[in-house]
Amino acid sequence: MTATNGEGTGPVSAPSSSVTAPNVPGAPTIGTAVLGNASATVSWTAPASNNGSAVTGYTVTPYIGSTAQTAQIFVSTATTETVTGLANATAYTFKVAATNGVGPAPSRPPPTR
């Protein structure tokens, strides 16, 4: 950066310290999914990195085969949540994505339960 006055432009300043803008968090590591009566309790491990912005919640998406069902958003840093509104006698998998101030992260599916 330089300054200019009536006499001209002054010398360039020294560089600033390095800064890195935050990014979306890493993907959580899926744990277990245990089906209940029209629900499932899904557990995961928080992402290894929040990439400079604290995790503020998680989105859990149930799948029947490869078809995504309605995602449920949890505004909580808890790493176990109960997904409701599921059909009994139906096989589901789940994907979990962390969210921080920048946005949602990638997700990873658990095994079918």
PDB file of N, CA and C in Angstrom:
ATOM      1  N   MET A   1       0.847  -1.158   0.000  1.00  0.00           N
ATOM      2  CA  MET A   1       0.000   0.000   0.000  1.00  0.00           C
ATOM      3  C   MET A   1       0.905   1.238   0.000  1.00  0.00           C
ATOM      4  N   THR A   2       0.482   2.254  -0.674  1.00  0.00           N
ATOM      5  CA  THR A   2       1.251   3.500  -0.717  1.00  0.00           C
ATOM      6  C   THR A   2       0.361   4.666  -0.335  1.00  0.00           C
ATOM      7  N   ALA A   3       0.997   5.756   0.033  1.00  0.00           N
ATOM      8  CA  ALA A   3       0.279   6.993   0.332  1.00  0.00           C
ATOM      9  C   ALA A   3       0.716   8.047  -0.677  1.00  0.00           C
ATOM     10  N   THR A   4      -0.213   8.919  -1.026  1.00  0.00           N
ATOM     11  CA  THR A   4       0.097   9.976  -1.983  1.00  0.00           C
ATOM     12  C   THR A   4      -0.286  11.313  -1.367  1.00  0.00           C
ATOM     13  N   ASN A   5       0.600  12.303  -1.541  1.00  0.00           N
ATOM     14  CA  ASN A   5       0.285  13.673  -1.125  1.00  0.00           C
ATOM     15  C   ASN A   5       0.710  14.612  -2.259  1.00  0.00           C
ATOM     16  N   GLY A   6       0.768  15.897  -1.980  1.00  0.00           N
ATOM     17  CA  GLY A   6       1.120  16.884  -2.997  1.00  0.00           C
ATOM     18  C   GLY A   6       2.526  16.720  -3.543  1.00  0.00           C
ATOM     19  N   GLU A   7       3.371  16.023  -2.833  1.00  0.00           N
ATOM     20  CA  GLU A   7       4.751  15.816  -3.260  1.00  0.00           C
ATOM     21  C   GLU A   7       4.930  14.536  -4.068  1.00  0.00           C
ATOM     22  N   GLY A   8       3.909  13.686  -4.100  1.00  0.00           N
ATOM     23  CA  GLY A   8       4.012  12.450  -4.867  1.00  0.00           C
ATOM     24  C   GLY A   8       3.613  11.240  -4.043  1.00  0.00           C
ATOM     25  N   THR A   9       4.013  10.069  -4.527  1.00  0.00           N
ATOM     26  CA  THR A   9       3.676   8.804  -3.883  1.00  0.00           C
ATOM     27  C   THR A   9       4.842   8.332  -3.043  1.00  0.00           C
ATOM     28  N   GLY A  10       4.559   7.923  -1.831  1.00  0.00           N
ATOM     29  CA  GLY A  10       5.582   7.437  -0.912  1.00  0.00           C
ATOM     30  C   GLY A  10       5.944   5.990  -1.188  1.00  0.00           C
ATOM     31  N   PRO A  11       6.855   5.437  -0.391  1.00  0.00           N
ATOM     32  CA  PRO A  11       7.269   4.047  -0.588  1.00  0.00           C
ATOM     33  C   PRO A  11       6.156   3.062  -0.201  1.00  0.00           C
ATOM     34  N   VAL A  12       6.283   1.847  -0.691  1.00  0.00           N
ATOM     35  CA  VAL A  12       5.321   0.779  -0.423  1.00  0.00           C
ATOM     36  C   VAL A  12       5.544   0.251   0.993  1.00  0.00           C
ATOM     37  N   SER A  13       4.443  -0.074   1.682  1.00  0.00           N
ATOM     38  CA  SER A  13       4.540  -0.623   3.035  1.00  0.00           C
ATOM     39  C   SER A  13       5.071  -2.051   3.005  1.00  0.00           C
ATOM     40  N   ALA A  14       5.441  -2.540   4.177  1.00  0.00           N
ATOM     41  CA  ALA A  14       5.794  -3.950   4.324  1.00  0.00           C
ATOM     42  C   ALA A  14       4.511  -4.768   4.152  1.00  0.00           C
ATOM     43  N   PRO A  15       4.599  -6.058   3.779  1.00  0.00           N
ATOM     44  CA  PRO A  15       3.380  -6.861   3.621  1.00  0.00           C
ATOM     45  C   PRO A  15       2.699  -7.119   4.966  1.00  0.00           C
ATOM     46  N   SER A  16       1.392  -7.296   4.907  1.00  0.00           N
ATOM     47  CA  SER A  16       0.631  -7.642   6.113  1.00  0.00           C
ATOM     48  C   SER A  16       0.913  -9.090   6.489  1.00  0.00           C
ATOM     49  N   SER A  17       0.446  -9.474   7.664  1.00  0.00           N
ATOM     50  CA  SER A  17       0.543 -10.888   8.037  1.00  0.00           C
ATOM     51  C   SER A  17      -0.436 -11.674   7.173  1.00  0.00           C
ATOM     52  N   SER A  18      -0.183 -12.948   7.023  1.00  0.00           N
ATOM     53  CA  SER A  18      -1.018 -13.811   6.203  1.00  0.00           C
ATOM     54  C   SER A  18      -2.346 -14.092   6.905  1.00  0.00           C
ATOM     55  N   VAL A  19      -3.432 -14.079   6.155  1.00  0.00           N
ATOM     56  CA  VAL A  19      -4.745 -14.445   6.672  1.00  0.00           C
ATOM     57  C   VAL A  19      -5.377 -15.445   5.712  1.00  0.00           C
ATOM     58  N   THR A  20      -6.196 -16.323   6.255  1.00  0.00           N
ATOM     59  CA  THR A  20      -6.900 -17.300   5.440  1.00  0.00           C
ATOM     60  C   THR A  20      -8.381 -17.191   5.743  1.00  0.00           C
ATOM     61  N   ALA A  21      -9.168 -17.023   4.704  1.00  0.00           N
ATOM     62  CA  ALA A  21     -10.622 -16.950   4.890  1.00  0.00           C
ATOM     63  C   ALA A  21     -11.149 -18.324   5.304  1.00  0.00           C
ATOM     64  N   PRO A  22     -12.152 -18.362   6.179  1.00  0.00           N
ATOM     65  CA  PRO A  22     -12.716 -19.651   6.570  1.00  0.00           C
ATOM     66  C   PRO A  22     -13.384 -20.327   5.380  1.00  0.00           C
ATOM     67  N   ASN A  23     -13.573 -21.620   5.509  1.00  0.00           N
ATOM     68  CA  ASN A  23     -14.210 -22.421   4.478  1.00  0.00           C
ATOM     69  C   ASN A  23     -15.216 -23.342   5.159  1.00  0.00           C
ATOM     70  N   VAL A  24     -15.978 -24.092   4.377  1.00  0.00           N
ATOM     71  CA  VAL A  24     -16.930 -25.038   4.962  1.00  0.00           C
ATOM     72  C   VAL A  24     -16.165 -26.077   5.775  1.00  0.00           C
ATOM     73  N   PRO A  25     -16.784 -26.655   6.787  1.00  0.00           N
ATOM     74  CA  PRO A  25     -16.088 -27.666   7.594  1.00  0.00           C
ATOM     75  C   PRO A  25     -15.860 -28.939   6.794  1.00  0.00           C
ATOM     76  N   GLY A  26     -14.985 -29.780   7.325  1.00  0.00           N
ATOM     77  CA  GLY A  26     -14.782 -31.086   6.714  1.00  0.00           C
ATOM     78  C   GLY A  26     -16.005 -31.962   6.919  1.00  0.00           C
ATOM     79  N   ALA A  27     -15.986 -33.131   6.317  1.00  0.00           N
ATOM     80  CA  ALA A  27     -17.119 -34.062   6.449  1.00  0.00           C
ATOM     81  C   ALA A  27     -17.057 -34.775   7.793  1.00  0.00           C
ATOM     82  N   PRO A  28     -18.198 -34.935   8.459  1.00  0.00           N
ATOM     83  CA  PRO A  28     -18.242 -35.746   9.670  1.00  0.00           C
ATOM     84  C   PRO A  28     -17.922 -37.205   9.322  1.00  0.00           C
ATOM     85  N   THR A  29     -17.523 -37.976  10.318  1.00  0.00           N
ATOM     86  CA  THR A  29     -17.328 -39.412  10.141  1.00  0.00           C
ATOM     87  C   THR A  29     -18.543 -40.109  10.719  1.00  0.00           C
ATOM     88  N   ILE A  30     -19.245 -40.826   9.869  1.00  0.00           N
ATOM     89  CA  ILE A  30     -20.484 -41.460  10.291  1.00  0.00           C
ATOM     90  C   ILE A  30     -20.196 -42.585  11.273  1.00  0.00           C
ATOM     91  N   GLY A  31     -21.070 -42.747  12.234  1.00  0.00           N
ATOM     92  CA  GLY A  31     -20.944 -43.814  13.222  1.00  0.00           C
ATOM     93  C   GLY A  31     -22.008 -44.856  12.990  1.00  0.00           C
ATOM     94  N   THR A  32     -23.079 -44.787  13.762  1.00  0.00           N
ATOM     95  CA  THR A  32     -24.130 -45.803  13.672  1.00  0.00           C
ATOM     96  C   THR A  32     -25.470 -45.166  13.350  1.00  0.00           C
ATOM     97  N   ALA A  33     -26.348 -46.004  12.827  1.00  0.00           N
ATOM     98  CA  ALA A  33     -27.742 -45.631  12.622  1.00  0.00           C
ATOM     99  C   ALA A  33     -28.569 -46.788  13.152  1.00  0.00           C
ATOM    100  N   VAL A  34     -29.387 -46.511  14.154  1.00  0.00           N
ATOM    101  CA  VAL A  34     -30.201 -47.558  14.781  1.00  0.00           C
ATOM    102  C   VAL A  34     -31.665 -47.192  14.581  1.00  0.00           C
ATOM    103  N   LEU A  35     -32.380 -48.040  13.844  1.00  0.00           N
ATOM    104  CA  LEU A  35     -33.786 -47.769  13.565  1.00  0.00           C
ATOM    105  C   LEU A  35     -34.641 -48.010  14.795  1.00  0.00           C
ATOM    106  N   GLY A  36     -35.631 -47.150  14.937  1.00  0.00           N
ATOM    107  CA  GLY A  36     -36.629 -47.280  15.993  1.00  0.00           C
ATOM    108  C   GLY A  36     -37.996 -47.322  15.346  1.00  0.00           C
ATOM    109  N   ASN A  37     -39.034 -46.987  16.079  1.00  0.00           N
ATOM    110  CA  ASN A  37     -40.389 -46.951  15.554  1.00  0.00           C
ATOM    111  C   ASN A  37     -40.581 -45.667  14.760  1.00  0.00           C
ATOM    112  N   ALA A  38     -40.562 -45.750  13.429  1.00  0.00           N
ATOM    113  CA  ALA A  38     -40.699 -44.611  12.514  1.00  0.00           C
ATOM    114  C   ALA A  38     -39.611 -43.556  12.738  1.00  0.00           C
ATOM    115  N   SER A  39     -38.447 -44.002  13.231  1.00  0.00           N
ATOM    116  CA  SER A  39     -37.346 -43.083  13.492  1.00  0.00           C
ATOM    117  C   SER A  39     -36.021 -43.837  13.450  1.00  0.00           C
ATOM    118  N   ALA A  40     -34.952 -43.093  13.508  1.00  0.00           N
ATOM    119  CA  ALA A  40     -33.614 -43.686  13.613  1.00  0.00           C
ATOM    120  C   ALA A  40     -32.745 -42.737  14.416  1.00  0.00           C
ATOM    121  N   THR A  41     -31.930 -43.302  15.271  1.00  0.00           N
ATOM    122  CA  THR A  41     -30.953 -42.514  16.013  1.00  0.00           C
ATOM    123  C   THR A  41     -29.627 -42.655  15.264  1.00  0.00           C
ATOM    124  N   VAL A  42     -29.127 -41.533  14.789  1.00  0.00           N
ATOM    125  CA  VAL A  42     -27.919 -41.507  13.966  1.00  0.00           C
ATOM    126  C   VAL A  42     -26.806 -40.826  14.758  1.00  0.00           C
ATOM    127  N   SER A  43     -25.623 -41.453  14.765  1.00  0.00           N
ATOM    128  CA  SER A  43     -24.463 -40.917  15.479  1.00  0.00           C
ATOM    129  C   SER A  43     -23.316 -40.712  14.502  1.00  0.00           C
ATOM    130  N   TRP A  44     -22.461 -39.742  14.806  1.00  0.00           N
ATOM    131  CA  TRP A  44     -21.305 -39.449  13.980  1.00  0.00           C
ATOM    132  C   TRP A  44     -20.249 -38.766  14.818  1.00  0.00           C
ATOM    133  N   THR A  45     -19.066 -38.591  14.238  1.00  0.00           N
ATOM    134  CA  THR A  45     -17.982 -37.850  14.878  1.00  0.00           C
ATOM    135  C   THR A  45     -17.844 -36.520  14.154  1.00  0.00           C
ATOM    136  N   ALA A  46     -17.647 -35.460  14.909  1.00  0.00           N
ATOM    137  CA  ALA A  46     -17.503 -34.130  14.313  1.00  0.00           C
ATOM    138  C   ALA A  46     -16.362 -34.122  13.296  1.00  0.00           C
ATOM    139  N   PRO A  47     -16.410 -33.219  12.323  1.00  0.00           N
ATOM    140  CA  PRO A  47     -15.338 -33.144  11.337  1.00  0.00           C
ATOM    141  C   PRO A  47     -13.986 -32.892  12.003  1.00  0.00           C
ATOM    142  N   ALA A  48     -12.930 -33.403  11.401  1.00  0.00           N
ATOM    143  CA  ALA A  48     -11.589 -33.190  11.929  1.00  0.00           C
ATOM    144  C   ALA A  48     -11.207 -31.710  11.877  1.00  0.00           C
ATOM    145  N   SER A  49     -11.768 -30.979  10.925  1.00  0.00           N
ATOM    146  CA  SER A  49     -11.459 -29.552  10.796  1.00  0.00           C
ATOM    147  C   SER A  49     -12.733 -28.757  10.579  1.00  0.00           C
ATOM    148  N   ASN A  50     -12.832 -27.619  11.286  1.00  0.00           N
ATOM    149  CA  ASN A  50     -13.954 -26.721  11.029  1.00  0.00           C
ATOM    150  C   ASN A  50     -13.564 -25.652   9.999  1.00  0.00           C
ATOM    151  N   ASN A  51     -12.295 -25.695   9.547  1.00  0.00           N
ATOM    152  CA  ASN A  51     -11.765 -24.791   8.519  1.00  0.00           C
ATOM    153  C   ASN A  51     -11.945 -23.311   8.865  1.00  0.00           C
ATOM    154  N   GLY A  52     -11.755 -22.994  10.126  1.00  0.00           N
ATOM    155  CA  GLY A  52     -11.729 -21.590  10.540  1.00  0.00           C
ATOM    156  C   GLY A  52     -13.046 -20.999  10.985  1.00  0.00           C
ATOM    157  N   SER A  53     -14.100 -21.791  11.042  1.00  0.00           N
ATOM    158  CA  SER A  53     -15.401 -21.298  11.491  1.00  0.00           C
ATOM    159  C   SER A  53     -16.073 -22.431  12.267  1.00  0.00           C
ATOM    160  N   ALA A  54     -16.484 -22.164  13.487  1.00  0.00           N
ATOM    161  CA  ALA A  54     -17.043 -23.203  14.362  1.00  0.00           C
ATOM    162  C   ALA A  54     -18.273 -23.867  13.750  1.00  0.00           C
ATOM    163  N   VAL A  55     -18.389 -25.179  13.958  1.00  0.00           N
ATOM    164  CA  VAL A  55     -19.564 -25.926  13.523  1.00  0.00           C
ATOM    165  C   VAL A  55     -20.768 -25.443  14.331  1.00  0.00           C
ATOM    166  N   THR A  56     -21.874 -25.167  13.635  1.00  0.00           N
ATOM    167  CA  THR A  56     -23.077 -24.653  14.290  1.00  0.00           C
ATOM    168  C   THR A  56     -24.248 -25.623  14.228  1.00  0.00           C
ATOM    169  N   GLY A  57     -24.124 -26.693  13.439  1.00  0.00           N
ATOM    170  CA  GLY A  57     -25.213 -27.648  13.338  1.00  0.00           C
ATOM    171  C   GLY A  57     -24.902 -28.737  12.333  1.00  0.00           C
ATOM    172  N   TYR A  58     -25.879 -29.612  12.156  1.00  0.00           N
ATOM    173  CA  TYR A  58     -25.731 -30.749  11.252  1.00  0.00           C
ATOM    174  C   TYR A  58     -27.018 -30.963  10.478  1.00  0.00           C
ATOM    175  N   THR A  59     -26.886 -31.477   9.260  1.00  0.00           N
ATOM    176  CA  THR A  59     -28.026 -31.873   8.449  1.00  0.00           C
ATOM    177  C   THR A  59     -27.924 -33.378   8.233  1.00  0.00           C
ATOM    178  N   VAL A  60     -28.995 -34.095   8.568  1.00  0.00           N
ATOM    179  CA  VAL A  60     -29.037 -35.545   8.391  1.00  0.00           C
ATOM    180  C   VAL A  60     -30.066 -35.844   7.297  1.00  0.00           C
ATOM    181  N   THR A  61     -29.608 -36.534   6.258  1.00  0.00           N
ATOM    182  CA  THR A  61     -30.483 -36.879   5.140  1.00  0.00           C
ATOM    183  C   THR A  61     -30.671 -38.391   5.078  1.00  0.00           C
ATOM    184  N   PRO A  62     -31.912 -38.870   5.204  1.00  0.00           N
ATOM    185  CA  PRO A  62     -32.166 -40.298   5.033  1.00  0.00           C
ATOM    186  C   PRO A  62     -32.264 -40.633   3.545  1.00  0.00           C
ATOM    187  N   TYR A  63     -31.836 -41.840   3.205  1.00  0.00           N
ATOM    188  CA  TYR A  63     -31.918 -42.334   1.831  1.00  0.00           C
ATOM    189  C   TYR A  63     -32.615 -43.681   1.823  1.00  0.00           C
ATOM    190  N   ILE A  64     -33.453 -43.892   0.818  1.00  0.00           N
ATOM    191  CA  ILE A  64     -33.985 -45.210   0.500  1.00  0.00           C
ATOM    192  C   ILE A  64     -33.311 -45.572  -0.814  1.00  0.00           C
ATOM    193  N   GLY A  65     -32.424 -46.552  -0.751  1.00  0.00           N
ATOM    194  CA  GLY A  65     -31.590 -46.831  -1.916  1.00  0.00           C
ATOM    195  C   GLY A  65     -30.739 -45.598  -2.197  1.00  0.00           C
ATOM    196  N   SER A  66     -30.777 -45.104  -3.416  1.00  0.00           N
ATOM    197  CA  SER A  66     -29.999 -43.904  -3.745  1.00  0.00           C
ATOM    198  C   SER A  66     -30.863 -42.651  -3.791  1.00  0.00           C
ATOM    199  N   THR A  67     -32.104 -42.763  -3.327  1.00  0.00           N
ATOM    200  CA  THR A  67     -33.036 -41.631  -3.378  1.00  0.00           C
ATOM    201  C   THR A  67     -33.081 -40.910  -2.032  1.00  0.00           C
ATOM    202  N   ALA A  68     -32.685 -39.634  -2.062  1.00  0.00           N
ATOM    203  CA  ALA A  68     -32.705 -38.824  -0.845  1.00  0.00           C
ATOM    204  C   ALA A  68     -34.142 -38.557  -0.419  1.00  0.00           C
ATOM    205  N   GLN A  69     -34.359 -38.632   0.879  1.00  0.00           N
ATOM    206  CA  GLN A  69     -35.641 -38.280   1.477  1.00  0.00           C
ATOM    207  C   GLN A  69     -35.485 -36.874   2.083  1.00  0.00           C
ATOM    208  N   THR A  70     -36.485 -36.408   2.765  1.00  0.00           N
ATOM    209  CA  THR A  70     -36.430 -35.064   3.339  1.00  0.00           C
ATOM    210  C   THR A  70     -35.353 -34.972   4.414  1.00  0.00           C
ATOM    211  N   ALA A  71     -34.432 -34.039   4.237  1.00  0.00           N
ATOM    212  CA  ALA A  71     -33.350 -33.825   5.208  1.00  0.00           C
ATOM    213  C   ALA A  71     -33.901 -33.166   6.461  1.00  0.00           C
ATOM    214  N   GLN A  72     -33.265 -33.467   7.586  1.00  0.00           N
ATOM    215  CA  GLN A  72     -33.624 -32.818   8.844  1.00  0.00           C
ATOM    216  C   GLN A  72     -32.420 -32.029   9.332  1.00  0.00           C
ATOM    217  N   ILE A  73     -32.652 -30.768   9.638  1.00  0.00           N
ATOM    218  CA  ILE A  73     -31.593 -29.851  10.075  1.00  0.00           C
ATOM    219  C   ILE A  73     -31.631 -29.743  11.592  1.00  0.00           C
ATOM    220  N   PHE A  74     -30.470 -29.936  12.200  1.00  0.00           N
ATOM    221  CA  PHE A  74     -30.339 -29.832  13.655  1.00  0.00           C
ATOM    222  C   PHE A  74     -29.395 -28.680  13.962  1.00  0.00           C
ATOM    223  N   VAL A  75     -29.914 -27.650  14.617  1.00  0.00           N
ATOM    224  CA  VAL A  75     -29.098 -26.496  15.000  1.00  0.00           C
ATOM    225  C   VAL A  75     -28.535 -26.802  16.379  1.00  0.00           C
ATOM    226  N   SER A  76     -27.553 -27.682  16.378  1.00  0.00           N
ATOM    227  CA  SER A  76     -26.960 -28.192  17.602  1.00  0.00           C
ATOM    228  C   SER A  76     -25.602 -28.773  17.244  1.00  0.00           C
ATOM    229  N   THR A  77     -24.684 -28.769  18.183  1.00  0.00           N
ATOM    230  CA  THR A  77     -23.384 -29.397  17.952  1.00  0.00           C
ATOM    231  C   THR A  77     -23.345 -30.828  18.481  1.00  0.00           C
ATOM    232  N   ALA A  78     -24.499 -31.343  18.922  1.00  0.00           N
ATOM    233  CA  ALA A  78     -24.586 -32.739  19.360  1.00  0.00           C
ATOM    234  C   ALA A  78     -24.249 -33.651  18.186  1.00  0.00           C
ATOM    235  N   THR A  79     -23.620 -34.776  18.474  1.00  0.00           N
ATOM    236  CA  THR A  79     -23.233 -35.702  17.411  1.00  0.00           C
ATOM    237  C   THR A  79     -24.066 -36.984  17.410  1.00  0.00           C
ATOM    238  N   THR A  80     -25.229 -36.920  18.030  1.00  0.00           N
ATOM    239  CA  THR A  80     -26.244 -37.965  17.953  1.00  0.00           C
ATOM    240  C   THR A  80     -27.588 -37.254  17.879  1.00  0.00           C
ATOM    241  N   GLU A  81     -28.379 -37.606  16.891  1.00  0.00           N
ATOM    242  CA  GLU A  81     -29.698 -36.997  16.738  1.00  0.00           C
ATOM    243  C   GLU A  81     -30.687 -38.073  16.309  1.00  0.00           C
ATOM    244  N   THR A  82     -31.967 -37.840  16.578  1.00  0.00           N
ATOM    245  CA  THR A  82     -33.018 -38.765  16.171  1.00  0.00           C
ATOM    246  C   THR A  82     -33.761 -38.180  14.980  1.00  0.00           C
ATOM    247  N   VAL A  83     -33.759 -38.930  13.893  1.00  0.00           N
ATOM    248  CA  VAL A  83     -34.462 -38.560  12.668  1.00  0.00           C
ATOM    249  C   VAL A  83     -35.847 -39.196  12.748  1.00  0.00           C
ATOM    250  N   THR A  84     -36.883 -38.402  12.560  1.00  0.00           N
ATOM    251  CA  THR A  84     -38.252 -38.895  12.679  1.00  0.00           C
ATOM    252  C   THR A  84     -38.941 -38.894  11.313  1.00  0.00           C
ATOM    253  N   GLY A  85     -40.135 -39.449  11.282  1.00  0.00           N
ATOM    254  CA  GLY A  85     -40.938 -39.456  10.061  1.00  0.00           C
ATOM    255  C   GLY A  85     -40.541 -40.539   9.075  1.00  0.00           C
ATOM    256  N   LEU A  86     -39.863 -41.584   9.540  1.00  0.00           N
ATOM    257  CA  LEU A  86     -39.446 -42.676   8.661  1.00  0.00           C
ATOM    258  C   LEU A  86     -40.533 -43.737   8.580  1.00  0.00           C
ATOM    259  N   ALA A  87     -40.505 -44.511   7.503  1.00  0.00           N
ATOM    260  CA  ALA A  87     -41.474 -45.598   7.340  1.00  0.00           C
ATOM    261  C   ALA A  87     -40.936 -46.861   7.993  1.00  0.00           C
ATOM    262  N   ASN A  88     -41.755 -47.508   8.796  1.00  0.00           N
ATOM    263  CA  ASN A  88     -41.362 -48.784   9.392  1.00  0.00           C
ATOM    264  C   ASN A  88     -41.175 -49.825   8.293  1.00  0.00           C
ATOM    265  N   ALA A  89     -40.348 -50.831   8.558  1.00  0.00           N
ATOM    266  CA  ALA A  89     -40.068 -51.944   7.638  1.00  0.00           C
ATOM    267  C   ALA A  89     -39.423 -51.467   6.334  1.00  0.00           C
ATOM    268  N   THR A  90     -38.667 -50.375   6.396  1.00  0.00           N
ATOM    269  CA  THR A  90     -37.971 -49.830   5.230  1.00  0.00           C
ATOM    270  C   THR A  90     -36.500 -49.671   5.580  1.00  0.00           C
ATOM    271  N   ALA A  91     -35.615 -50.098   4.672  1.00  0.00           N
ATOM    272  CA  ALA A  91     -34.173 -49.961   4.890  1.00  0.00           C
ATOM    273  C   ALA A  91     -33.741 -48.542   4.522  1.00  0.00           C
ATOM    274  N   TYR A  92     -33.003 -47.906   5.404  1.00  0.00           N
ATOM    275  CA  TYR A  92     -32.502 -46.554   5.189  1.00  0.00           C
ATOM    276  C   TYR A  92     -30.985 -46.516   5.358  1.00  0.00           C
ATOM    277  N   THR A  93     -30.357 -45.601   4.661  1.00  0.00           N
ATOM    278  CA  THR A  93     -29.008 -45.156   4.985  1.00  0.00           C
ATOM    279  C   THR A  93     -29.131 -43.673   5.263  1.00  0.00           C
ATOM    280  N   PHE A  94     -28.089 -43.094   5.846  1.00  0.00           N
ATOM    281  CA  PHE A  94     -28.133 -41.692   6.223  1.00  0.00           C
ATOM    282  C   PHE A  94     -26.822 -41.016   5.852  1.00  0.00           C
ATOM    283  N   LYS A  95     -26.915 -39.756   5.469  1.00  0.00           N
ATOM    284  CA  LYS A  95     -25.735 -38.929   5.261  1.00  0.00           C
ATOM    285  C   LYS A  95     -25.825 -37.765   6.234  1.00  0.00           C
ATOM    286  N   VAL A  96     -24.664 -37.364   6.749  1.00  0.00           N
ATOM    287  CA  VAL A  96     -24.602 -36.267   7.712  1.00  0.00           C
ATOM    288  C   VAL A  96     -23.638 -35.215   7.175  1.00  0.00           C
ATOM    289  N   ALA A  97     -24.058 -33.975   7.203  1.00  0.00           N
ATOM    290  CA  ALA A  97     -23.208 -32.856   6.797  1.00  0.00           C
ATOM    291  C   ALA A  97     -23.145 -31.847   7.928  1.00  0.00           C
ATOM    292  N   ALA A  98     -21.942 -31.357   8.218  1.00  0.00           N
ATOM    293  CA  ALA A  98     -21.768 -30.309   9.225  1.00  0.00           C
ATOM    294  C   ALA A  98     -21.973 -28.956   8.558  1.00  0.00           C
ATOM    295  N   THR A  99     -22.405 -27.982   9.341  1.00  0.00           N
ATOM    296  CA  THR A  99     -22.571 -26.620   8.848  1.00  0.00           C
ATOM    297  C   THR A  99     -21.807 -25.682   9.768  1.00  0.00           C
ATOM    298  N   ASN A 100     -21.140 -24.695   9.175  1.00  0.00           N
ATOM    299  CA  ASN A 100     -20.530 -23.623   9.962  1.00  0.00           C
ATOM    300  C   ASN A 100     -20.978 -22.291   9.379  1.00  0.00           C
ATOM    301  N   GLY A 101     -20.355 -21.202   9.775  1.00  0.00           N
ATOM    302  CA  GLY A 101     -20.756 -19.883   9.305  1.00  0.00           C
ATOM    303  C   GLY A 101     -20.599 -19.691   7.806  1.00  0.00           C
ATOM    304  N   VAL A 102     -19.818 -20.542   7.157  1.00  0.00           N
ATOM    305  CA  VAL A 102     -19.606 -20.447   5.713  1.00  0.00           C
ATOM    306  C   VAL A 102     -20.656 -21.249   4.956  1.00  0.00           C
ATOM    307  N   GLY A 103     -21.085 -22.381   5.505  1.00  0.00           N
ATOM    308  CA  GLY A 103     -22.087 -23.208   4.835  1.00  0.00           C
ATOM    309  C   GLY A 103     -21.955 -24.661   5.208  1.00  0.00           C
ATOM    310  N   PRO A 104     -22.675 -25.540   4.487  1.00  0.00           N
ATOM    311  CA  PRO A 104     -22.637 -26.974   4.786  1.00  0.00           C
ATOM    312  C   PRO A 104     -21.411 -27.658   4.190  1.00  0.00           C
ATOM    313  N   ALA A 105     -21.003 -28.727   4.841  1.00  0.00           N
ATOM    314  CA  ALA A 105     -19.853 -29.523   4.411  1.00  0.00           C
ATOM    315  C   ALA A 105     -20.310 -30.701   3.570  1.00  0.00           C
ATOM    316  N   PRO A 106     -19.355 -31.414   2.997  1.00  0.00           N
ATOM    317  CA  PRO A 106     -19.711 -32.673   2.341  1.00  0.00           C
ATOM    318  C   PRO A 106     -20.208 -33.675   3.381  1.00  0.00           C
ATOM    319  N   SER A 107     -20.872 -34.708   2.939  1.00  0.00           N
ATOM    320  CA  SER A 107     -21.401 -35.714   3.864  1.00  0.00           C
ATOM    321  C   SER A 107     -20.908 -37.093   3.464  1.00  0.00           C
ATOM    322  N   ARG A 108     -20.990 -38.014   4.423  1.00  0.00           N
ATOM    323  CA  ARG A 108     -20.588 -39.404   4.189  1.00  0.00           C
ATOM    324  C   ARG A 108     -21.720 -40.317   4.645  1.00  0.00           C
ATOM    325  N   PRO A 109     -22.028 -41.353   3.857  1.00  0.00           N
ATOM    326  CA  PRO A 109     -23.116 -42.261   4.252  1.00  0.00           C
ATOM    327  C   PRO A 109     -22.646 -43.331   5.223  1.00  0.00           C
ATOM    328  N   PRO A 110     -23.524 -43.785   6.115  1.00  0.00           N
ATOM    329  CA  PRO A 110     -23.222 -44.924   6.974  1.00  0.00           C
ATOM    330  C   PRO A 110     -23.651 -46.212   6.263  1.00  0.00           C
ATOM    331  N   PRO A 111     -23.344 -47.337   6.849  1.00  0.00           N
ATOM    332  CA  PRO A 111     -23.850 -48.583   6.286  1.00  0.00           C
ATOM    333  C   PRO A 111     -25.357 -48.675   6.465  1.00  0.00           C
ATOM    334  N   THR A 112     -26.015 -49.462   5.645  1.00  0.00           N
ATOM    335  CA  THR A 112     -27.461 -49.677   5.774  1.00  0.00           C
ATOM    336  C   THR A 112     -27.740 -50.390   7.082  1.00  0.00           C
ATOM    337  N   ARG A 113     -28.773 -49.958   7.766  1.00  0.00           N
ATOM    338  CA  ARG A 113     -29.179 -50.585   9.043  1.00  0.00           C
ATOM    339  C   ARG A 113     -30.568 -51.128   8.895  1.00  0.00           C
TER     340      ARG A 113
END
